[in-house]
Amino acid sequence: MVLLTVDEVIASLGGTTNAAKTLGRSAQVVSHWKTNKKFPPKTFHLITNKLKRDGFEVSKDCWSWEDDI
């Protein structure tokens, strides 16, 4: 299954609090990503590798390819 949005990705990681724990970030940071609807590029491998193990792919459109968020 391909996840198309940041909200879908975070939901697949168990919601904001669980995603924060899984990714080693604060819930506030995860909420910021949800608001901006993009992940920072430095999270690409961490998120895609975790979700690949769970049978998911993530659309590349979920990332801002500029390191400003």
Protein backbone atom coordinates (compact mmCIF):
# COMPACT_ATOMS: atom_id res chain seq x y z
CA MET A 1 0.00 0.00 0.00
CA VAL A 2 1.27 3.46 -0.89
CA LEU A 3 0.79 6.21 1.68
CA LEU A 4 0.12 9.49 -0.09
CA THR A 5 -0.01 12.07 2.70
CA VAL A 6 1.87 13.00 5.85
CA ASP A 7 -1.32 12.34 7.82
CA GLU A 8 -1.51 8.79 6.40
CA VAL A 9 2.15 8.17 7.26
CA ILE A 10 1.74 9.41 10.83
CA ALA A 11 -1.46 7.37 11.24
CA SER A 12 0.39 4.24 10.03
CA LEU A 13 3.01 4.87 12.69
CA GLY A 14 0.26 4.84 15.33
CA GLY A 15 -0.58 8.54 15.57
CA THR A 16 1.39 11.56 16.66
CA THR A 17 2.65 10.27 20.01
CA ASN A 18 3.68 6.83 18.72
CA ALA A 19 5.23 8.32 15.58
CA ALA A 20 7.29 10.66 17.75
CA LYS A 21 8.55 7.76 19.87
CA THR A 22 9.25 5.57 16.85
CA LEU A 23 11.13 8.32 15.02
CA GLY A 24 12.96 9.69 18.05
CA ARG A 25 11.35 13.12 17.77
CA SER A 26 9.00 15.10 20.01
CA ALA A 27 5.24 15.07 19.48
CA GLN A 28 5.52 18.82 18.81
CA VAL A 29 7.89 18.17 15.90
CA VAL A 30 5.57 15.52 14.45
CA SER A 31 2.63 17.93 14.79
CA HIS A 32 4.68 20.55 12.92
CA TRP A 33 5.18 18.09 10.06
CA LYS A 34 1.43 17.46 9.98
CA THR A 35 0.73 21.19 9.83
CA ASN A 36 3.27 21.72 7.03
CA LYS A 37 2.14 18.54 5.24
CA LYS A 38 5.78 17.68 4.52
CA PHE A 39 8.62 15.82 6.20
CA PRO A 40 12.15 17.22 6.21
CA PRO A 41 14.55 15.40 3.86
CA LYS A 42 16.71 14.10 6.70
CA THR A 43 13.82 11.82 7.77
CA PHE A 44 13.45 10.07 4.39
CA HIS A 45 15.42 6.90 5.10
CA LEU A 46 14.22 6.56 8.68
CA ILE A 47 10.53 6.78 7.76
CA THR A 48 10.65 4.82 4.50
CA ASN A 49 12.70 1.99 6.01
CA LYS A 50 10.42 1.67 9.05
CA LEU A 51 7.25 1.61 6.95
CA LYS A 52 8.74 -0.72 4.33
CA ARG A 53 9.17 -3.33 7.10
CA ASP A 54 5.45 -2.89 7.80
CA GLY A 55 4.50 -3.34 4.13
CA PHE A 56 4.02 0.31 3.20
CA GLU A 57 5.56 2.62 0.64
CA VAL A 58 5.49 6.40 1.02
CA SER A 59 4.96 8.87 -1.80
CA LYS A 60 8.01 11.04 -2.40
CA ASP A 61 5.58 13.99 -2.44
CA CYS A 62 5.46 13.73 1.37
CA TRP A 63 8.92 15.31 1.60
CA SER A 64 10.14 18.84 1.27
CA TRP A 65 13.43 18.47 -0.53
CA GLU A 66 14.66 21.67 1.07
CA ASP A 67 15.90 21.41 4.65
CA ASP A 68 13.75 24.26 5.94
CA ILE A 69 11.11 22.46 8.00
